[in-house]
């Protein structure tokens, strides 16, 4: 048995409906600008040739229903409502048809973003890490097995802040479909159980402040909620 100099980080996990065991979070891949209207509101063009990605560390994972202290280093914290999926079996260099069979479950997710720090990264042609990867930046609701949700497309995806609708779209508006995203990622990574993919956010992203209550949902999935607390 290996001895460590200090305790390794705790395993973050997501509950799965109908399962006693939870899904352990390994890598978190995020798809950028996967809804045309969101790309437009960000002042960017849509790349329809292939998706692009950024990542979050497992320590960014936070359970739905939690209170997130307003993160340090930002004055412009934004919400982004997303469909997340989790991988159920190893895949590498597969096509979209095979990729669909690798999906274990789906869930609602929030990609919380320090927008001002992300913009600084864009302006200086630097990575987005400070804007996208921080404690509590990836919020996950309980997962639903893929077979129970059915075909992706007609489901409504929405988000409210203090009861006021901010984001409202349908999953059919995804530029790159879920199987296409998995197939593309599998060109570059050996995807495996523990990998989480956040598929992008629709238009309507915006700032939140301490005291705000975020709620959101996707038809057929458990809803998500997050309270923004005061800065620590």
C-alpha atoms as a PDB file:
ATOM      1  CA  UNK A   1       0.000   0.000   0.000  1.00  0.00           C
ATOM      2  CA  UNK A   2       1.368   3.410  -0.998  1.00  0.00           C
ATOM      3  CA  UNK A   3       1.981   6.029   1.676  1.00  0.00           C
ATOM      4  CA  UNK A   4       1.367   9.664   0.747  1.00  0.00           C
ATOM      5  CA  UNK A   5       2.898  12.815   2.208  1.00  0.00           C
ATOM      6  CA  UNK A   6      -0.619  14.192   2.702  1.00  0.00           C
ATOM      7  CA  UNK A   7      -4.181  13.031   2.149  1.00  0.00           C
ATOM      8  CA  UNK A   8      -5.062  12.914  -1.580  1.00  0.00           C
ATOM      9  CA  UNK A   9      -7.986  15.106  -2.662  1.00  0.00           C
ATOM     10  CA  UNK A  10     -11.389  13.669  -1.853  1.00  0.00           C
ATOM     11  CA  UNK A  11     -13.243  12.006  -4.695  1.00  0.00           C
ATOM     12  CA  UNK A  12     -16.059  14.201  -6.004  1.00  0.00           C
ATOM     13  CA  UNK A  13     -19.122  12.310  -7.176  1.00  0.00           C
ATOM     14  CA  UNK A  14     -22.617  12.773  -8.608  1.00  0.00           C
ATOM     15  CA  UNK A  15     -25.704  10.836  -7.423  1.00  0.00           C
ATOM     16  CA  UNK A  16     -27.444   8.618  -9.976  1.00  0.00           C
ATOM     17  CA  UNK A  17     -31.206   8.119  -9.780  1.00  0.00           C
ATOM     18  CA  UNK A  18     -32.031   4.535  -8.794  1.00  0.00           C
ATOM     19  CA  UNK A  19     -28.441   3.713  -7.787  1.00  0.00           C
ATOM     20  CA  UNK A  20     -27.007   3.430  -4.293  1.00  0.00           C
ATOM     21  CA  UNK A  21     -23.510   4.158  -5.598  1.00  0.00           C
ATOM     22  CA  UNK A  22     -22.517   7.545  -6.989  1.00  0.00           C
ATOM     23  CA  UNK A  23     -20.629   8.392 -10.191  1.00  0.00           C
ATOM     24  CA  UNK A  24     -17.034   9.483  -9.380  1.00  0.00           C
ATOM     25  CA  UNK A  25     -15.858  12.580 -11.240  1.00  0.00           C
ATOM     26  CA  UNK A  26     -12.541  12.382 -13.048  1.00  0.00           C
ATOM     27  CA  UNK A  27     -11.965  14.758 -15.946  1.00  0.00           C
ATOM     28  CA  UNK A  28     -14.487  17.464 -16.857  1.00  0.00           C
ATOM     29  CA  UNK A  29     -14.545  18.455 -20.536  1.00  0.00           C
ATOM     30  CA  UNK A  30     -16.597  21.483 -21.612  1.00  0.00           C
ATOM     31  CA  UNK A  31     -17.739  22.387 -25.122  1.00  0.00           C
ATOM     32  CA  UNK A  32     -17.485  26.054 -26.037  1.00  0.00           C
ATOM     33  CA  UNK A  33     -20.018  27.999 -28.140  1.00  0.00           C
ATOM     34  CA  UNK A  34     -22.231  25.034 -28.999  1.00  0.00           C
ATOM     35  CA  UNK A  35     -25.396  27.130 -29.468  1.00  0.00           C
ATOM     36  CA  UNK A  36     -25.400  29.695 -32.288  1.00  0.00           C
ATOM     37  CA  UNK A  37     -27.316  32.333 -30.299  1.00  0.00           C
ATOM     38  CA  UNK A  38     -24.858  32.096 -27.405  1.00  0.00           C
ATOM     39  CA  UNK A  39     -21.883  32.430 -29.752  1.00  0.00           C
ATOM     40  CA  UNK A  40     -23.505  35.556 -31.191  1.00  0.00           C
ATOM     41  CA  UNK A  41     -24.068  37.113 -27.771  1.00  0.00           C
ATOM     42  CA  UNK A  42     -20.390  36.480 -26.981  1.00  0.00           C
ATOM     43  CA  UNK A  43     -19.430  38.267 -30.206  1.00  0.00           C
ATOM     44  CA  UNK A  44     -17.972  35.103 -31.726  1.00  0.00           C
ATOM     45  CA  UNK A  45     -18.530  33.127 -34.889  1.00  0.00           C
ATOM     46  CA  UNK A  46     -19.709  29.530 -34.766  1.00  0.00           C
ATOM     47  CA  UNK A  47     -17.211  26.876 -35.793  1.00  0.00           C
ATOM     48  CA  UNK A  48     -19.405  24.278 -37.471  1.00  0.00           C
ATOM     49  CA  UNK A  49     -16.434  22.195 -38.614  1.00  0.00           C
ATOM     50  CA  UNK A  50     -15.589  20.841 -35.178  1.00  0.00           C
ATOM     51  CA  UNK A  51     -16.300  21.595 -31.514  1.00  0.00           C
ATOM     52  CA  UNK A  52     -13.662  23.126 -29.257  1.00  0.00           C
ATOM     53  CA  UNK A  53     -13.075  22.485 -25.574  1.00  0.00           C
ATOM     54  CA  UNK A  54     -11.834  23.734 -22.254  1.00  0.00           C
ATOM     55  CA  UNK A  55     -11.524  21.732 -19.048  1.00  0.00           C
ATOM     56  CA  UNK A  56     -12.315  21.971 -15.357  1.00  0.00           C
ATOM     57  CA  UNK A  57     -10.610  20.044 -12.569  1.00  0.00           C
ATOM     58  CA  UNK A  58     -12.544  17.545 -10.414  1.00  0.00           C
ATOM     59  CA  UNK A  59     -12.200  19.979  -7.501  1.00  0.00           C
ATOM     60  CA  UNK A  60     -14.521  22.353  -9.396  1.00  0.00           C
ATOM     61  CA  UNK A  61     -17.432  19.920  -8.941  1.00  0.00           C
ATOM     62  CA  UNK A  62     -20.238  20.976  -6.587  1.00  0.00           C
ATOM     63  CA  UNK A  63     -23.578  19.340  -5.815  1.00  0.00           C
ATOM     64  CA  UNK A  64     -26.875  20.942  -6.772  1.00  0.00           C
ATOM     65  CA  UNK A  65     -28.549  22.654  -3.841  1.00  0.00           C
ATOM     66  CA  UNK A  66     -25.297  23.995  -2.404  1.00  0.00           C
ATOM     67  CA  UNK A  67     -24.351  27.564  -1.588  1.00  0.00           C
ATOM     68  CA  UNK A  68     -21.360  28.832  -3.561  1.00  0.00           C
ATOM     69  CA  UNK A  69     -19.428  31.662  -1.906  1.00  0.00           C
ATOM     70  CA  UNK A  70     -18.903  34.456  -4.410  1.00  0.00           C
ATOM     71  CA  UNK A  71     -15.547  33.435  -5.940  1.00  0.00           C
ATOM     72  CA  UNK A  72     -12.370  35.447  -5.370  1.00  0.00           C
ATOM     73  CA  UNK A  73     -10.758  37.555  -8.060  1.00  0.00           C
ATOM     74  CA  UNK A  74     -13.902  38.460 -10.001  1.00  0.00           C
ATOM     75  CA  UNK A  75     -16.551  41.154 -10.111  1.00  0.00           C
ATOM     76  CA  UNK A  76     -18.542  39.486 -12.906  1.00  0.00           C
ATOM     77  CA  UNK A  77     -19.671  35.946 -12.049  1.00  0.00           C
ATOM     78  CA  UNK A  78     -21.930  34.448 -14.752  1.00  0.00           C
ATOM     79  CA  UNK A  79     -24.281  31.471 -14.923  1.00  0.00           C
ATOM     80  CA  UNK A  80     -24.337  29.029 -17.860  1.00  0.00           C
ATOM     81  CA  UNK A  81     -26.989  26.274 -17.918  1.00  0.00           C
ATOM     82  CA  UNK A  82     -25.899  23.056 -19.648  1.00  0.00           C
ATOM     83  CA  UNK A  83     -26.672  19.436 -20.418  1.00  0.00           C
ATOM     84  CA  UNK A  84     -23.975  17.196 -18.951  1.00  0.00           C
ATOM     85  CA  UNK A  85     -23.305  13.583 -19.823  1.00  0.00           C
ATOM     86  CA  UNK A  86     -21.054  10.994 -18.221  1.00  0.00           C
ATOM     87  CA  UNK A  87     -19.113   8.207 -19.906  1.00  0.00           C
ATOM     88  CA  UNK A  88     -19.929   4.594 -19.037  1.00  0.00           C
ATOM     89  CA  UNK A  89     -17.305   2.606 -20.949  1.00  0.00           C
ATOM     90  CA  UNK A  90     -13.894   3.265 -22.534  1.00  0.00           C
ATOM     91  CA  UNK A  91     -13.912   4.688 -26.059  1.00  0.00           C
ATOM     92  CA  UNK A  92     -11.090   5.820 -28.320  1.00  0.00           C
ATOM     93  CA  UNK A  93     -11.279   6.924 -31.958  1.00  0.00           C
ATOM     94  CA  UNK A  94     -14.910   5.963 -32.443  1.00  0.00           C
ATOM     95  CA  UNK A  95     -17.582   7.253 -34.796  1.00  0.00           C
ATOM     96  CA  UNK A  96     -20.768   8.970 -33.640  1.00  0.00           C
ATOM     97  CA  UNK A  97     -22.818   5.769 -33.679  1.00  0.00           C
ATOM     98  CA  UNK A  98     -20.394   3.960 -31.376  1.00  0.00           C
ATOM     99  CA  UNK A  99     -19.991   7.091 -29.259  1.00  0.00           C
ATOM    100  CA  UNK A 100     -23.693   7.106 -28.397  1.00  0.00           C
ATOM    101  CA  UNK A 101     -23.304   3.695 -26.772  1.00  0.00           C
ATOM    102  CA  UNK A 102     -20.685   5.063 -24.368  1.00  0.00           C
ATOM    103  CA  UNK A 103     -23.116   7.426 -22.596  1.00  0.00           C
ATOM    104  CA  UNK A 104     -23.987   6.219 -19.111  1.00  0.00           C
ATOM    105  CA  UNK A 105     -26.238   9.045 -17.947  1.00  0.00           C
ATOM    106  CA  UNK A 106     -27.299  12.672 -18.394  1.00  0.00           C
ATOM    107  CA  UNK A 107     -27.804  15.489 -15.932  1.00  0.00           C
ATOM    108  CA  UNK A 108     -28.340  19.219 -15.524  1.00  0.00           C
ATOM    109  CA  UNK A 109     -25.212  21.260 -14.909  1.00  0.00           C
ATOM    110  CA  UNK A 110     -24.054  24.825 -14.351  1.00  0.00           C
ATOM    111  CA  UNK A 111     -20.835  26.161 -15.843  1.00  0.00           C
ATOM    112  CA  UNK A 112     -20.114  29.064 -13.494  1.00  0.00           C
ATOM    113  CA  UNK A 113     -17.742  31.557 -15.086  1.00  0.00           C
ATOM    114  CA  UNK A 114     -15.594  34.448 -13.893  1.00  0.00           C
ATOM    115  CA  UNK A 115     -16.441  36.351 -17.075  1.00  0.00           C
ATOM    116  CA  UNK A 116     -14.064  39.250 -16.504  1.00  0.00           C
ATOM    117  CA  UNK A 117     -11.114  36.897 -16.050  1.00  0.00           C
ATOM    118  CA  UNK A 118     -12.168  34.867 -19.077  1.00  0.00           C
ATOM    119  CA  UNK A 119     -12.302  38.077 -21.139  1.00  0.00           C
ATOM    120  CA  UNK A 120      -8.816  39.059 -20.020  1.00  0.00           C
ATOM    121  CA  UNK A 121      -7.606  35.671 -21.212  1.00  0.00           C
ATOM    122  CA  UNK A 122      -9.311  36.175 -24.574  1.00  0.00           C
ATOM    123  CA  UNK A 123      -7.941  39.692 -24.983  1.00  0.00           C
ATOM    124  CA  UNK A 124      -4.380  38.568 -24.215  1.00  0.00           C
ATOM    125  CA  UNK A 125      -4.709  35.334 -26.206  1.00  0.00           C
ATOM    126  CA  UNK A 126      -4.170  33.301 -23.055  1.00  0.00           C
ATOM    127  CA  UNK A 127      -5.962  30.194 -21.705  1.00  0.00           C
ATOM    128  CA  UNK A 128      -9.340  30.582 -20.015  1.00  0.00           C
ATOM    129  CA  UNK A 129      -8.393  28.640 -16.870  1.00  0.00           C
ATOM    130  CA  UNK A 130      -8.794  31.486 -14.371  1.00  0.00           C
ATOM    131  CA  UNK A 131     -12.230  32.263 -15.754  1.00  0.00           C
ATOM    132  CA  UNK A 132     -13.522  28.709 -15.965  1.00  0.00           C
ATOM    133  CA  UNK A 133     -11.757  26.470 -13.437  1.00  0.00           C
ATOM    134  CA  UNK A 134     -12.261  27.269  -9.775  1.00  0.00           C
ATOM    135  CA  UNK A 135     -13.908  25.707  -6.728  1.00  0.00           C
ATOM    136  CA  UNK A 136     -17.655  25.354  -7.370  1.00  0.00           C
ATOM    137  CA  UNK A 137     -17.401  26.193 -11.073  1.00  0.00           C
ATOM    138  CA  UNK A 138     -19.101  22.943 -12.176  1.00  0.00           C
ATOM    139  CA  UNK A 139     -22.433  22.285 -10.466  1.00  0.00           C
ATOM    140  CA  UNK A 140     -24.175  18.950 -11.056  1.00  0.00           C
ATOM    141  CA  UNK A 141     -27.711  17.721 -10.379  1.00  0.00           C
ATOM    142  CA  UNK A 142     -28.385  13.978  -9.905  1.00  0.00           C
ATOM    143  CA  UNK A 143     -27.908  11.935 -13.059  1.00  0.00           C
ATOM    144  CA  UNK A 144     -30.542  10.010 -15.046  1.00  0.00           C
ATOM    145  CA  UNK A 145     -29.583   6.873 -16.974  1.00  0.00           C
ATOM    146  CA  UNK A 146     -29.353   7.582 -20.708  1.00  0.00           C
ATOM    147  CA  UNK A 147     -32.042   5.082 -21.700  1.00  0.00           C
ATOM    148  CA  UNK A 148     -34.576   6.867 -19.488  1.00  0.00           C
ATOM    149  CA  UNK A 149     -34.100  10.229 -21.191  1.00  0.00           C
ATOM    150  CA  UNK A 150     -34.333   8.964 -24.754  1.00  0.00           C
ATOM    151  CA  UNK A 151     -33.294  10.816 -27.882  1.00  0.00           C
ATOM    152  CA  UNK A 152     -31.754  14.247 -27.375  1.00  0.00           C
ATOM    153  CA  UNK A 153     -33.433  17.115 -29.220  1.00  0.00           C
ATOM    154  CA  UNK A 154     -36.923  18.191 -28.187  1.00  0.00           C
ATOM    155  CA  UNK A 155     -36.124  18.767 -24.510  1.00  0.00           C
ATOM    156  CA  UNK A 156     -36.392  22.299 -23.184  1.00  0.00           C
ATOM    157  CA  UNK A 157     -33.364  23.694 -21.332  1.00  0.00           C
ATOM    158  CA  UNK A 158     -33.911  26.735 -19.107  1.00  0.00           C
ATOM    159  CA  UNK A 159     -32.499  28.744 -16.214  1.00  0.00           C
ATOM    160  CA  UNK A 160     -33.991  31.277 -13.804  1.00  0.00           C
ATOM    161  CA  UNK A 161     -32.406  33.736 -11.390  1.00  0.00           C
ATOM    162  CA  UNK A 162     -34.659  34.600  -8.440  1.00  0.00           C
ATOM    163  CA  UNK A 163     -37.562  33.182 -10.443  1.00  0.00           C
ATOM    164  CA  UNK A 164     -36.928  35.306 -13.552  1.00  0.00           C
ATOM    165  CA  UNK A 165     -36.164  33.371 -16.749  1.00  0.00           C
ATOM    166  CA  UNK A 166     -32.722  34.102 -18.162  1.00  0.00           C
ATOM    167  CA  UNK A 167     -32.074  31.163 -20.512  1.00  0.00           C
ATOM    168  CA  UNK A 168     -34.694  29.260 -22.524  1.00  0.00           C
ATOM    169  CA  UNK A 169     -33.932  26.996 -25.491  1.00  0.00           C
ATOM    170  CA  UNK A 170     -34.122  23.381 -26.685  1.00  0.00           C
ATOM    171  CA  UNK A 171     -31.411  20.746 -26.905  1.00  0.00           C
ATOM    172  CA  UNK A 172     -32.148  20.431 -30.607  1.00  0.00           C
ATOM    173  CA  UNK A 173     -30.323  23.750 -31.012  1.00  0.00           C
ATOM    174  CA  UNK A 174     -26.963  22.154 -30.188  1.00  0.00           C
ATOM    175  CA  UNK A 175     -24.594  22.797 -33.095  1.00  0.00           C
ATOM    176  CA  UNK A 176     -22.566  19.645 -32.445  1.00  0.00           C
ATOM    177  CA  UNK A 177     -24.727  16.770 -31.218  1.00  0.00           C
ATOM    178  CA  UNK A 178     -23.857  14.721 -28.165  1.00  0.00           C
ATOM    179  CA  UNK A 179     -22.549  11.718 -30.168  1.00  0.00           C
ATOM    180  CA  UNK A 180     -20.565  14.052 -32.433  1.00  0.00           C
ATOM    181  CA  UNK A 181     -18.908  15.669 -29.426  1.00  0.00           C
ATOM    182  CA  UNK A 182     -17.947  12.315 -27.907  1.00  0.00           C
ATOM    183  CA  UNK A 183     -16.623  11.049 -31.239  1.00  0.00           C
ATOM    184  CA  UNK A 184     -14.545  14.194 -31.724  1.00  0.00           C
ATOM    185  CA  UNK A 185     -13.104  14.096 -28.187  1.00  0.00           C
ATOM    186  CA  UNK A 186     -12.238  10.438 -28.684  1.00  0.00           C
ATOM    187  CA  UNK A 187      -9.795  11.486 -31.408  1.00  0.00           C
ATOM    188  CA  UNK A 188      -7.657  13.157 -28.755  1.00  0.00           C
ATOM    189  CA  UNK A 189      -8.357  11.273 -25.504  1.00  0.00           C
ATOM    190  CA  UNK A 190      -8.953   7.746 -24.299  1.00  0.00           C
ATOM    191  CA  UNK A 191     -12.362   8.516 -22.814  1.00  0.00           C
ATOM    192  CA  UNK A 192     -13.301   6.355 -19.849  1.00  0.00           C
ATOM    193  CA  UNK A 193     -15.727   6.053 -16.931  1.00  0.00           C
ATOM    194  CA  UNK A 194     -15.281   9.093 -14.713  1.00  0.00           C
ATOM    195  CA  UNK A 195     -15.180  11.497 -17.650  1.00  0.00           C
ATOM    196  CA  UNK A 196     -17.885  14.180 -17.618  1.00  0.00           C
ATOM    197  CA  UNK A 197     -18.761  16.274 -20.677  1.00  0.00           C
ATOM    198  CA  UNK A 198     -20.643  19.576 -20.412  1.00  0.00           C
ATOM    199  CA  UNK A 199     -22.165  20.237 -23.831  1.00  0.00           C
ATOM    200  CA  UNK A 200     -22.445  24.031 -23.956  1.00  0.00           C
ATOM    201  CA  UNK A 201     -24.898  26.737 -22.955  1.00  0.00           C
ATOM    202  CA  UNK A 202     -27.700  28.514 -24.835  1.00  0.00           C
ATOM    203  CA  UNK A 203     -28.056  32.289 -25.064  1.00  0.00           C
ATOM    204  CA  UNK A 204     -29.031  34.373 -22.066  1.00  0.00           C
ATOM    205  CA  UNK A 205     -25.979  34.049 -19.831  1.00  0.00           C
ATOM    206  CA  UNK A 206     -25.592  36.818 -17.302  1.00  0.00           C
ATOM    207  CA  UNK A 207     -24.210  37.994 -14.000  1.00  0.00           C
ATOM    208  CA  UNK A 208     -25.263  36.900 -10.528  1.00  0.00           C
ATOM    209  CA  UNK A 209     -24.474  38.429  -7.154  1.00  0.00           C
ATOM    210  CA  UNK A 210     -24.462  37.318  -3.522  1.00  0.00           C
ATOM    211  CA  UNK A 211     -27.962  36.395  -2.423  1.00  0.00           C
ATOM    212  CA  UNK A 212     -29.140  35.260  -5.861  1.00  0.00           C
ATOM    213  CA  UNK A 213     -30.881  31.894  -6.251  1.00  0.00           C
ATOM    214  CA  UNK A 214     -30.254  30.047  -9.528  1.00  0.00           C
ATOM    215  CA  UNK A 215     -32.645  27.330 -10.669  1.00  0.00           C
ATOM    216  CA  UNK A 216     -32.729  25.450 -13.939  1.00  0.00           C
ATOM    217  CA  UNK A 217     -33.933  22.370 -15.684  1.00  0.00           C
ATOM    218  CA  UNK A 218     -34.011  20.132 -18.725  1.00  0.00           C
ATOM    219  CA  UNK A 219     -37.129  18.136 -19.589  1.00  0.00           C
ATOM    220  CA  UNK A 220     -36.817  14.601 -18.232  1.00  0.00           C
ATOM    221  CA  UNK A 221     -33.933  15.334 -15.838  1.00  0.00           C
ATOM    222  CA  UNK A 222     -33.693  16.325 -12.185  1.00  0.00           C
ATOM    223  CA  UNK A 223     -33.621  20.134 -11.836  1.00  0.00           C
ATOM    224  CA  UNK A 224     -30.625  22.057 -10.569  1.00  0.00           C
ATOM    225  CA  UNK A 225     -30.296  24.817  -7.969  1.00  0.00           C
ATOM    226  CA  UNK A 226     -27.522  26.994  -6.594  1.00  0.00           C
ATOM    227  CA  UNK A 227     -27.427  29.871  -4.114  1.00  0.00           C
ATOM    228  CA  UNK A 228     -24.693  32.506  -4.391  1.00  0.00           C
ATOM    229  CA  UNK A 229     -23.328  33.356  -0.979  1.00  0.00           C
ATOM    230  CA  UNK A 230     -21.167  36.237   0.199  1.00  0.00           C
ATOM    231  CA  UNK A 231     -17.446  36.211  -0.604  1.00  0.00           C
ATOM    232  CA  UNK A 232     -15.260  34.478   1.931  1.00  0.00           C
END
